[in-house]
Amino acid sequence: MNANTNNSAAIKDIVCQKLSYKVHNKTLLMGVDTVFNAGKISVVLGKNGAGKSTLLSLLTKEITATDGSILWHKKPIENCTFAELALQRSVLPQLQNMVFSLKVQQLIELGAEVQQKTNYIDDITFSVMQVCDIEHLAQRDVITLSGGEQKRVQLARVLAQIWPVEAIQSGEQNPFSGKWLFLDEWTTSLDLHHQQQLALYFKKWSQQGLGIVMVLHDLNLTSQLADQVKILKQGQLAIEGNALEVFTEKNVKQTLDLDIMIKNIESVAQPIIVPREVLIK
C-alpha cells in the first residue's frame, strides 16, 4: 500500500480526543483518546458498565459528549448532519424491539430507502437478504420470528442502509470505502453457524474498505476478527492494540478480571483463550 492510499484511508478515520460523557453527575466515559481506522475491524471489550455502549452511542452521534471531541472523517461530528451520517454509517443496537407487524422484506426495504436510490432498492434488498440467510423469511411477519432470525433480519436492515450497490456492480476494488458499521453485541441469539458465516463477511468487507466497530464479550471471536482491540475499564480506555498485544494473561486479568490461559495450536493463526478454571477442572 503506497503513501497516498494510507493518507486516503486516514482521512476516513474516526478520531476521539479526550472523550468524556456524564449523565446525572455520573461519569460513564472519561478522557478516551483513540482512533478507529477505516477499513479495519475494531472490537471494544469490557465488563458490564465499562462504557462500551456509551462509546458506540457517541461515535454514532446518538448522544453528545459532555467533554472532548470526535472527528468524523476529519470533521467535528457535531458539524455532521444526521442525513449525512445516515449515508455513511449504520448501527445495530444491542436491543431491537419490534412492536408492530411488518413483513421481513418490507423492513429491509425501509433500510434501503435511506440511500434514496429507488432503482436499486430491489437489488440492495436481495443482496443483504442473501448475505444474512433470510431469503426464505421474506414474507414472514418480523414479530413471529425467533430471536436469531430477528437478529439476522435487523442486521440485513442496517446493511441495506449502507450497501454500496453501485460500487459493487461496477467492480470497484474497495466498494465499502468511507462506510462504517457499528454493532453492539451482534452475536446475541445467533447460532454458531451464522456467527461464523457473518464473521467471514465482516473480514471480507473490511478488506474492501468497510470500517467496523463492534462490542463483543467473546475473546476467541475477538481474536479471530479484530484488527484492533480496545478494552474499557470503568469508563476509561485501559489498553489497546492488536489481539496478540492485548491478550496476555496479565492484561486480561487486570482489565476483565478473568483468569485465562493462552494456548497456541498448530495450523490456527490466532491463539485460543481458555478460562483457567476450565483447564484446572
C-alpha atoms as a PDB file:
ATOM      1  CA  MET A   1       0.000   0.000   0.000  1.00  0.00           C
ATOM      2  CA  ASN A   2       1.511   3.324  -1.020  1.00  0.00           C
ATOM      3  CA  ALA A   3       1.570   6.573   0.975  1.00  0.00           C
ATOM      4  CA  ASN A   4      -1.300   8.100  -0.979  1.00  0.00           C
ATOM      5  CA  THR A   5      -3.508   5.104  -0.185  1.00  0.00           C
ATOM      6  CA  ASN A   6      -2.608   5.350   3.509  1.00  0.00           C
ATOM      7  CA  ASN A   7      -3.397   9.070   3.566  1.00  0.00           C
ATOM      8  CA  SER A   8      -6.717   8.492   1.810  1.00  0.00           C
ATOM      9  CA  ALA A   9      -7.698   5.874   4.396  1.00  0.00           C
ATOM     10  CA  ALA A  10      -6.617   8.100   7.302  1.00  0.00           C
ATOM     11  CA  ILE A  11      -8.935  10.873   6.133  1.00  0.00           C
ATOM     12  CA  LYS A  12     -11.830   8.489   6.740  1.00  0.00           C
ATOM     13  CA  ASP A  13     -10.744   7.513  10.255  1.00  0.00           C
ATOM     14  CA  ILE A  14     -12.727   8.364  13.391  1.00  0.00           C
ATOM     15  CA  VAL A  15     -10.615  10.171  15.989  1.00  0.00           C
ATOM     16  CA  CYS A  16     -11.595  10.506  19.651  1.00  0.00           C
ATOM     17  CA  GLN A  17      -9.870  13.225  21.674  1.00  0.00           C
ATOM     18  CA  LYS A  18     -10.294  13.367  25.468  1.00  0.00           C
ATOM     19  CA  LEU A  19     -13.798  11.980  25.003  1.00  0.00           C
ATOM     20  CA  SER A  20     -15.996  12.032  28.110  1.00  0.00           C
ATOM     21  CA  TYR A  21     -19.657  11.572  28.894  1.00  0.00           C
ATOM     22  CA  LYS A  22     -21.534  12.256  32.116  1.00  0.00           C
ATOM     23  CA  VAL A  23     -25.195  11.853  32.996  1.00  0.00           C
ATOM     24  CA  HIS A  24     -26.843  12.756  36.323  1.00  0.00           C
ATOM     25  CA  ASN A  25     -23.398  13.534  37.793  1.00  0.00           C
ATOM     26  CA  LYS A  26     -22.222  10.012  36.951  1.00  0.00           C
ATOM     27  CA  THR A  27     -19.226   9.636  34.631  1.00  0.00           C
ATOM     28  CA  LEU A  28     -19.794   6.855  32.099  1.00  0.00           C
ATOM     29  CA  LEU A  29     -16.787   7.600  29.907  1.00  0.00           C
ATOM     30  CA  MET A  30     -13.709   9.637  30.756  1.00  0.00           C
ATOM     31  CA  GLY A  31     -10.813  11.033  28.724  1.00  0.00           C
ATOM     32  CA  VAL A  32     -10.787   8.496  25.888  1.00  0.00           C
ATOM     33  CA  ASP A  33      -8.084   9.136  23.285  1.00  0.00           C
ATOM     34  CA  THR A  34      -8.166   6.651  20.432  1.00  0.00           C
ATOM     35  CA  VAL A  35      -8.529   6.224  16.677  1.00  0.00           C
ATOM     36  CA  PHE A  36     -10.855   3.891  14.804  1.00  0.00           C
ATOM     37  CA  ASN A  37      -9.233   3.173  11.466  1.00  0.00           C
ATOM     38  CA  ALA A  38     -11.241   2.998   8.254  1.00  0.00           C
ATOM     39  CA  GLY A  39     -11.177  -0.421   6.619  1.00  0.00           C
ATOM     40  CA  LYS A  40     -10.383  -2.160   9.915  1.00  0.00           C
ATOM     41  CA  ILE A  41     -12.368  -4.177  12.452  1.00  0.00           C
ATOM     42  CA  SER A  42     -12.189  -2.635  15.915  1.00  0.00           C
ATOM     43  CA  VAL A  43     -13.556  -4.658  18.823  1.00  0.00           C
ATOM     44  CA  VAL A  44     -14.447  -2.935  22.088  1.00  0.00           C
ATOM     45  CA  LEU A  45     -14.341  -5.119  25.191  1.00  0.00           C
ATOM     46  CA  GLY A  46     -15.072  -4.509  28.838  1.00  0.00           C
ATOM     47  CA  LYS A  47     -17.074  -5.700  31.809  1.00  0.00           C
ATOM     48  CA  ASN A  48     -20.727  -4.685  32.170  1.00  0.00           C
ATOM     49  CA  GLY A  49     -20.947  -0.957  32.780  1.00  0.00           C
ATOM     50  CA  ALA A  50     -17.448  -0.250  31.427  1.00  0.00           C
ATOM     51  CA  GLY A  51     -18.796   2.269  28.897  1.00  0.00           C
ATOM     52  CA  LYS A  52     -18.855   0.208  25.696  1.00  0.00           C
ATOM     53  CA  SER A  53     -22.379   1.073  24.542  1.00  0.00           C
ATOM     54  CA  THR A  54     -21.871   4.688  25.611  1.00  0.00           C
ATOM     55  CA  LEU A  55     -18.807   4.888  23.381  1.00  0.00           C
ATOM     56  CA  LEU A  56     -20.740   3.474  20.419  1.00  0.00           C
ATOM     57  CA  SER A  57     -23.559   5.943  21.001  1.00  0.00           C
ATOM     58  CA  LEU A  58     -21.084   8.825  20.990  1.00  0.00           C
ATOM     59  CA  LEU A  59     -19.380   7.582  17.824  1.00  0.00           C
ATOM     60  CA  THR A  60     -22.713   7.449  16.006  1.00  0.00           C
ATOM     61  CA  LYS A  61     -23.954  10.808  17.365  1.00  0.00           C
ATOM     62  CA  GLU A  62     -26.872   9.209  19.171  1.00  0.00           C
ATOM     63  CA  ILE A  63     -25.683  11.120  22.232  1.00  0.00           C
ATOM     64  CA  THR A  64     -23.376  14.145  22.553  1.00  0.00           C
ATOM     65  CA  ALA A  65     -20.118  14.175  24.502  1.00  0.00           C
ATOM     66  CA  THR A  66     -20.003  16.320  27.616  1.00  0.00           C
ATOM     67  CA  ASP A  67     -16.304  16.905  27.042  1.00  0.00           C
ATOM     68  CA  GLY A  68     -13.725  16.199  24.358  1.00  0.00           C
ATOM     69  CA  SER A  69     -14.368  15.710  20.662  1.00  0.00           C
ATOM     70  CA  ILE A  70     -14.887  13.238  17.826  1.00  0.00           C
ATOM     71  CA  LEU A  71     -13.523  13.894  14.361  1.00  0.00           C
ATOM     72  CA  TRP A  72     -15.552  12.069  11.736  1.00  0.00           C
ATOM     73  CA  HIS A  73     -13.533  11.929   8.510  1.00  0.00           C
ATOM     74  CA  LYS A  74     -11.513  14.942   9.794  1.00  0.00           C
ATOM     75  CA  LYS A  75     -14.744  16.860  10.522  1.00  0.00           C
ATOM     76  CA  PRO A  76     -16.157  17.536  14.023  1.00  0.00           C
ATOM     77  CA  ILE A  77     -19.047  15.122  14.404  1.00  0.00           C
ATOM     78  CA  GLU A  78     -21.328  17.871  15.723  1.00  0.00           C
ATOM     79  CA  ASN A  79     -20.996  19.509  12.297  1.00  0.00           C
ATOM     80  CA  CYS A  80     -22.198  16.368  10.534  1.00  0.00           C
ATOM     81  CA  THR A  81     -25.939  16.219   9.878  1.00  0.00           C
ATOM     82  CA  PHE A  82     -27.877  13.054  10.640  1.00  0.00           C
ATOM     83  CA  ALA A  83     -28.782  12.834   6.957  1.00  0.00           C
ATOM     84  CA  GLU A  84     -25.104  12.934   6.050  1.00  0.00           C
ATOM     85  CA  LEU A  85     -24.176  10.322   8.664  1.00  0.00           C
ATOM     86  CA  ALA A  86     -27.047   8.033   7.640  1.00  0.00           C
ATOM     87  CA  LEU A  87     -25.390   7.538   4.252  1.00  0.00           C
ATOM     88  CA  GLN A  88     -22.020   6.759   5.810  1.00  0.00           C
ATOM     89  CA  ARG A  89     -22.758   4.672   8.856  1.00  0.00           C
ATOM     90  CA  SER A  90     -25.315   2.187  10.087  1.00  0.00           C
ATOM     91  CA  VAL A  91     -25.941   0.961  13.623  1.00  0.00           C
ATOM     92  CA  LEU A  92     -27.169  -2.337  15.040  1.00  0.00           C
ATOM     93  CA  PRO A  93     -28.032  -1.618  18.685  1.00  0.00           C
ATOM     94  CA  GLN A  94     -27.926  -4.200  21.431  1.00  0.00           C
ATOM     95  CA  LEU A  95     -31.716  -4.442  21.628  1.00  0.00           C
ATOM     96  CA  GLN A  96     -34.317  -4.059  18.892  1.00  0.00           C
ATOM     97  CA  ASN A  97     -37.953  -4.317  19.902  1.00  0.00           C
ATOM     98  CA  MET A  98     -40.452  -4.817  17.101  1.00  0.00           C
ATOM     99  CA  VAL A  99     -43.822  -3.570  18.318  1.00  0.00           C
ATOM    100  CA  PHE A 100     -45.696  -3.534  15.016  1.00  0.00           C
ATOM    101  CA  SER A 101     -46.415  -6.026  12.281  1.00  0.00           C
ATOM    102  CA  LEU A 102     -44.221  -5.813   9.199  1.00  0.00           C
ATOM    103  CA  LYS A 103     -43.008  -8.309   6.649  1.00  0.00           C
ATOM    104  CA  VAL A 104     -39.281  -9.017   6.615  1.00  0.00           C
ATOM    105  CA  GLN A 105     -38.803  -7.711   3.088  1.00  0.00           C
ATOM    106  CA  GLN A 106     -40.675  -4.504   3.894  1.00  0.00           C
ATOM    107  CA  LEU A 107     -38.466  -3.842   6.909  1.00  0.00           C
ATOM    108  CA  ILE A 108     -35.282  -4.289   4.894  1.00  0.00           C
ATOM    109  CA  GLU A 109     -36.615  -2.057   2.137  1.00  0.00           C
ATOM    110  CA  LEU A 110     -37.030   0.681   4.749  1.00  0.00           C
ATOM    111  CA  GLY A 111     -33.295   0.430   5.376  1.00  0.00           C
ATOM    112  CA  ALA A 112     -32.524   0.552   1.663  1.00  0.00           C
ATOM    113  CA  GLU A 113     -34.739   3.614   1.166  1.00  0.00           C
ATOM    114  CA  VAL A 114     -32.325   5.682   3.283  1.00  0.00           C
ATOM    115  CA  GLN A 115     -29.978   5.719   0.286  1.00  0.00           C
ATOM    116  CA  GLN A 116     -32.678   7.343  -1.883  1.00  0.00           C
ATOM    117  CA  LYS A 117     -31.775   5.145  -4.846  1.00  0.00           C
ATOM    118  CA  THR A 118     -35.200   3.973  -5.936  1.00  0.00           C
ATOM    119  CA  ASN A 119     -33.906   1.989  -8.904  1.00  0.00           C
ATOM    120  CA  TYR A 120     -31.634  -0.080  -6.674  1.00  0.00           C
ATOM    121  CA  ILE A 121     -33.918  -0.958  -3.739  1.00  0.00           C
ATOM    122  CA  ASP A 122     -34.685  -4.440  -5.053  1.00  0.00           C
ATOM    123  CA  ASP A 123     -31.009  -5.172  -5.739  1.00  0.00           C
ATOM    124  CA  ILE A 124     -29.971  -3.959  -2.287  1.00  0.00           C
ATOM    125  CA  THR A 125     -32.742  -5.882  -0.551  1.00  0.00           C
ATOM    126  CA  PHE A 126     -31.956  -9.135  -2.346  1.00  0.00           C
ATOM    127  CA  SER A 127     -28.211  -8.822  -1.702  1.00  0.00           C
ATOM    128  CA  VAL A 128     -28.435  -8.244   2.053  1.00  0.00           C
ATOM    129  CA  MET A 129     -31.112 -10.896   2.493  1.00  0.00           C
ATOM    130  CA  GLN A 130     -28.821 -13.363   0.767  1.00  0.00           C
ATOM    131  CA  VAL A 131     -25.868 -12.381   2.961  1.00  0.00           C
ATOM    132  CA  CYS A 132     -27.913 -12.771   6.144  1.00  0.00           C
ATOM    133  CA  ASP A 133     -29.526 -16.046   5.026  1.00  0.00           C
ATOM    134  CA  ILE A 134     -33.107 -14.774   5.316  1.00  0.00           C
ATOM    135  CA  GLU A 135     -34.404 -15.038   1.750  1.00  0.00           C
ATOM    136  CA  HIS A 136     -36.808 -17.766   2.872  1.00  0.00           C
ATOM    137  CA  LEU A 137     -38.232 -15.400   5.519  1.00  0.00           C
ATOM    138  CA  ALA A 138     -39.051 -12.557   3.094  1.00  0.00           C
ATOM    139  CA  GLN A 139     -42.837 -12.759   3.521  1.00  0.00           C
ATOM    140  CA  ARG A 140     -42.842 -13.641   7.218  1.00  0.00           C
ATOM    141  CA  ASP A 141     -44.030 -11.188   9.836  1.00  0.00           C
ATOM    142  CA  VAL A 142     -40.989  -9.987  11.774  1.00  0.00           C
ATOM    143  CA  ILE A 143     -42.693 -10.322  15.161  1.00  0.00           C
ATOM    144  CA  THR A 144     -43.276 -14.055  14.566  1.00  0.00           C
ATOM    145  CA  LEU A 145     -39.577 -14.839  14.098  1.00  0.00           C
ATOM    146  CA  SER A 146     -37.206 -16.463  16.562  1.00  0.00           C
ATOM    147  CA  GLY A 147     -34.595 -14.351  18.319  1.00  0.00           C
ATOM    148  CA  GLY A 148     -31.827 -15.448  15.969  1.00  0.00           C
ATOM    149  CA  GLU A 149     -33.952 -14.844  12.889  1.00  0.00           C
ATOM    150  CA  GLN A 150     -34.883 -11.380  14.102  1.00  0.00           C
ATOM    151  CA  LYS A 151     -31.227 -10.578  14.705  1.00  0.00           C
ATOM    152  CA  ARG A 152     -30.323 -11.524  11.137  1.00  0.00           C
ATOM    153  CA  VAL A 153     -33.242  -9.510   9.771  1.00  0.00           C
ATOM    154  CA  GLN A 154     -32.180  -6.446  11.738  1.00  0.00           C
ATOM    155  CA  LEU A 155     -28.609  -6.858  10.539  1.00  0.00           C
ATOM    156  CA  ALA A 156     -29.877  -7.029   6.949  1.00  0.00           C
ATOM    157  CA  ARG A 157     -31.833  -3.810   7.544  1.00  0.00           C
ATOM    158  CA  VAL A 158     -28.775  -1.887   8.761  1.00  0.00           C
ATOM    159  CA  LEU A 159     -26.627  -3.302   5.970  1.00  0.00           C
ATOM    160  CA  ALA A 160     -29.192  -2.148   3.415  1.00  0.00           C
ATOM    161  CA  GLN A 161     -28.718   1.410   4.644  1.00  0.00           C
ATOM    162  CA  ILE A 162     -25.056   1.497   3.570  1.00  0.00           C
ATOM    163  CA  TRP A 163     -24.895  -1.274   0.965  1.00  0.00           C
ATOM    164  CA  PRO A 164     -22.711   0.104  -1.892  1.00  0.00           C
ATOM    165  CA  VAL A 165     -24.711  -1.463  -4.691  1.00  0.00           C
ATOM    166  CA  GLU A 166     -23.409   0.728  -7.493  1.00  0.00           C
ATOM    167  CA  ALA A 167     -19.770   0.352  -6.444  1.00  0.00           C
ATOM    168  CA  ILE A 168     -20.146  -3.422  -6.210  1.00  0.00           C
ATOM    169  CA  GLN A 169     -21.858  -3.700  -9.581  1.00  0.00           C
ATOM    170  CA  SER A 170     -19.208  -1.552 -11.254  1.00  0.00           C
ATOM    171  CA  GLY A 171     -16.451  -3.778  -9.853  1.00  0.00           C
ATOM    172  CA  GLU A 172     -14.694  -1.198  -7.664  1.00  0.00           C
ATOM    173  CA  GLN A 173     -11.794  -2.617  -5.674  1.00  0.00           C
ATOM    174  CA  ASN A 174     -12.921  -1.046  -2.377  1.00  0.00           C
ATOM    175  CA  PRO A 175     -16.683  -0.616  -2.718  1.00  0.00           C
ATOM    176  CA  PHE A 176     -17.191  -0.061   1.033  1.00  0.00           C
ATOM    177  CA  SER A 177     -14.647   2.764   1.296  1.00  0.00           C
ATOM    178  CA  GLY A 178     -15.950   5.533   3.556  1.00  0.00           C
ATOM    179  CA  LYS A 179     -18.687   3.324   5.049  1.00  0.00           C
ATOM    180  CA  TRP A 180     -18.978   2.302   8.710  1.00  0.00           C
ATOM    181  CA  LEU A 181     -20.896  -0.432  10.518  1.00  0.00           C
ATOM    182  CA  PHE A 182     -21.459  -0.284  14.290  1.00  0.00           C
ATOM    183  CA  LEU A 183     -22.538  -3.466  16.047  1.00  0.00           C
ATOM    184  CA  ASP A 184     -23.439  -3.772  19.739  1.00  0.00           C
ATOM    185  CA  GLU A 185     -23.267  -7.438  20.788  1.00  0.00           C
ATOM    186  CA  TRP A 186     -24.329  -8.690  17.354  1.00  0.00           C
ATOM    187  CA  THR A 187     -23.757 -12.348  18.274  1.00  0.00           C
ATOM    188  CA  THR A 188     -26.613 -12.418  20.795  1.00  0.00           C
ATOM    189  CA  SER A 189     -29.213 -15.055  19.805  1.00  0.00           C
ATOM    190  CA  LEU A 190     -27.212 -16.154  16.754  1.00  0.00           C
ATOM    191  CA  ASP A 191     -26.231 -19.799  16.371  1.00  0.00           C
ATOM    192  CA  LEU A 192     -22.561 -20.611  15.799  1.00  0.00           C
ATOM    193  CA  HIS A 193     -23.082 -21.298  12.100  1.00  0.00           C
ATOM    194  CA  HIS A 194     -24.437 -17.830  11.402  1.00  0.00           C
ATOM    195  CA  GLN A 195     -21.856 -16.200  13.692  1.00  0.00           C
ATOM    196  CA  GLN A 196     -19.058 -17.746  11.666  1.00  0.00           C
ATOM    197  CA  GLN A 197     -20.665 -17.007   8.299  1.00  0.00           C
ATOM    198  CA  LEU A 198     -21.163 -13.361   9.178  1.00  0.00           C
ATOM    199  CA  ALA A 199     -17.667 -13.133  10.652  1.00  0.00           C
ATOM    200  CA  LEU A 200     -16.280 -14.169   7.253  1.00  0.00           C
ATOM    201  CA  TYR A 201     -18.324 -11.457   5.566  1.00  0.00           C
ATOM    202  CA  PHE A 202     -17.109  -8.838   8.057  1.00  0.00           C
ATOM    203  CA  LYS A 203     -13.492  -9.748   7.300  1.00  0.00           C
ATOM    204  CA  LYS A 204     -14.150  -9.590   3.560  1.00  0.00           C
ATOM    205  CA  TRP A 205     -15.924  -6.222   3.729  1.00  0.00           C
ATOM    206  CA  SER A 206     -13.267  -4.656   5.947  1.00  0.00           C
ATOM    207  CA  GLN A 207     -10.692  -5.624   3.338  1.00  0.00           C
ATOM    208  CA  GLN A 208     -12.907  -3.759   0.844  1.00  0.00           C
ATOM    209  CA  GLY A 209     -12.856  -0.548   2.878  1.00  0.00           C
ATOM    210  CA  LEU A 210     -15.621  -1.002   5.474  1.00  0.00           C
ATOM    211  CA  GLY A 211     -14.809   0.273   8.937  1.00  0.00           C
ATOM    212  CA  ILE A 212     -16.438  -1.922  11.597  1.00  0.00           C
ATOM    213  CA  VAL A 213     -16.727  -1.152  15.289  1.00  0.00           C
ATOM    214  CA  MET A 214     -18.258  -3.921  17.376  1.00  0.00           C
ATOM    215  CA  VAL A 215     -18.847  -4.613  21.047  1.00  0.00           C
ATOM    216  CA  LEU A 216     -18.204  -8.236  21.985  1.00  0.00           C
ATOM    217  CA  HIS A 217     -17.697 -10.386  25.071  1.00  0.00           C
ATOM    218  CA  ASP A 218     -16.238 -13.405  23.270  1.00  0.00           C
ATOM    219  CA  LEU A 219     -12.438 -13.249  23.498  1.00  0.00           C
ATOM    220  CA  ASN A 220     -11.846 -16.008  20.955  1.00  0.00           C
ATOM    221  CA  LEU A 221     -14.135 -14.438  18.373  1.00  0.00           C
ATOM    222  CA  THR A 222     -12.393 -11.134  19.037  1.00  0.00           C
ATOM    223  CA  SER A 223      -9.021 -12.788  18.485  1.00  0.00           C
ATOM    224  CA  GLN A 224     -10.292 -14.210  15.207  1.00  0.00           C
ATOM    225  CA  LEU A 225     -11.827 -10.984  13.898  1.00  0.00           C
ATOM    226  CA  ALA A 226     -10.150  -7.916  15.328  1.00  0.00           C
ATOM    227  CA  ASP A 227      -7.541  -5.744  13.688  1.00  0.00           C
ATOM    228  CA  GLN A 228      -7.715  -3.531  16.762  1.00  0.00           C
ATOM    229  CA  VAL A 229      -8.794  -4.434  20.305  1.00  0.00           C
ATOM    230  CA  LYS A 230      -9.773  -1.724  22.785  1.00  0.00           C
ATOM    231  CA  ILE A 231     -10.607  -2.644  26.389  1.00  0.00           C
ATOM    232  CA  LEU A 232     -12.547  -0.231  28.559  1.00  0.00           C
ATOM    233  CA  LYS A 233     -12.439  -0.352  32.341  1.00  0.00           C
ATOM    234  CA  GLN A 234     -14.637   1.871  34.496  1.00  0.00           C
ATOM    235  CA  GLY A 235     -15.175   4.290  31.629  1.00  0.00           C
ATOM    236  CA  GLN A 236     -11.537   4.643  30.678  1.00  0.00           C
ATOM    237  CA  LEU A 237      -9.518   3.123  27.849  1.00  0.00           C
ATOM    238  CA  ALA A 238      -7.342   0.659  29.727  1.00  0.00           C
ATOM    239  CA  ILE A 239      -5.409  -0.869  26.831  1.00  0.00           C
ATOM    240  CA  GLU A 240      -5.475  -1.110  23.047  1.00  0.00           C
ATOM    241  CA  GLY A 241      -3.536  -2.834  20.296  1.00  0.00           C
ATOM    242  CA  ASN A 242      -3.812  -5.931  18.158  1.00  0.00           C
ATOM    243  CA  ALA A 243      -5.035  -9.190  19.675  1.00  0.00           C
ATOM    244  CA  LEU A 244      -1.546 -10.588  20.277  1.00  0.00           C
ATOM    245  CA  GLU A 245      -0.532  -7.423  22.123  1.00  0.00           C
ATOM    246  CA  VAL A 246      -3.689  -7.105  24.206  1.00  0.00           C
ATOM    247  CA  PHE A 247      -4.487 -10.715  25.041  1.00  0.00           C
ATOM    248  CA  THR A 248      -1.921 -11.586  27.647  1.00  0.00           C
ATOM    249  CA  GLU A 249      -2.840 -13.301  30.892  1.00  0.00           C
ATOM    250  CA  LYS A 250      -1.833 -10.186  32.865  1.00  0.00           C
ATOM    251  CA  ASN A 251      -3.793  -7.741  30.684  1.00  0.00           C
ATOM    252  CA  VAL A 252      -6.981  -9.808  30.680  1.00  0.00           C
ATOM    253  CA  LYS A 253      -6.801 -10.280  34.458  1.00  0.00           C
ATOM    254  CA  GLN A 254      -6.292  -6.550  35.100  1.00  0.00           C
ATOM    255  CA  THR A 255      -8.975  -5.312  32.716  1.00  0.00           C
ATOM    256  CA  LEU A 256     -11.630  -8.045  32.602  1.00  0.00           C
ATOM    257  CA  ASP A 257     -10.969  -9.733  35.967  1.00  0.00           C
ATOM    258  CA  LEU A 258     -10.656 -13.080  34.220  1.00  0.00           C
ATOM    259  CA  ASP A 259      -8.018 -15.755  34.767  1.00  0.00           C
ATOM    260  CA  ILE A 260      -7.075 -17.227  31.419  1.00  0.00           C
ATOM    261  CA  MET A 261      -4.503 -19.389  29.714  1.00  0.00           C
ATOM    262  CA  ILE A 262      -3.465 -18.765  26.134  1.00  0.00           C
ATOM    263  CA  LYS A 263      -2.967 -21.863  24.007  1.00  0.00           C
ATOM    264  CA  ASN A 264      -1.225 -21.888  20.662  1.00  0.00           C
ATOM    265  CA  ILE A 265      -2.464 -24.573  18.309  1.00  0.00           C
ATOM    266  CA  GLU A 266      -0.662 -25.663  15.190  1.00  0.00           C
ATOM    267  CA  SER A 267      -2.361 -24.512  11.959  1.00  0.00           C
ATOM    268  CA  VAL A 268      -4.506 -21.986  13.897  1.00  0.00           C
ATOM    269  CA  ALA A 269      -3.415 -18.424  13.164  1.00  0.00           C
ATOM    270  CA  GLN A 270      -4.660 -16.863  16.393  1.00  0.00           C
ATOM    271  CA  PRO A 271      -4.137 -18.195  19.925  1.00  0.00           C
ATOM    272  CA  ILE A 272      -7.009 -19.885  21.747  1.00  0.00           C
ATOM    273  CA  ILE A 273      -8.066 -18.268  25.023  1.00  0.00           C
ATOM    274  CA  VAL A 274      -9.362 -20.577  27.728  1.00  0.00           C
ATOM    275  CA  PRO A 275     -10.590 -19.692  31.249  1.00  0.00           C
ATOM    276  CA  ARG A 276      -8.076 -21.166  33.692  1.00  0.00           C
ATOM    277  CA  GLU A 277     -10.830 -22.751  35.814  1.00  0.00           C
ATOM    278  CA  VAL A 278     -11.909 -24.876  32.861  1.00  0.00           C
ATOM    279  CA  LEU A 279      -8.385 -26.248  32.450  1.00  0.00           C
ATOM    280  CA  ILE A 280      -7.981 -26.924  36.166  1.00  0.00           C
ATOM    281  CA  LYS A 281     -11.191 -28.927  36.322  1.00  0.00           C
END
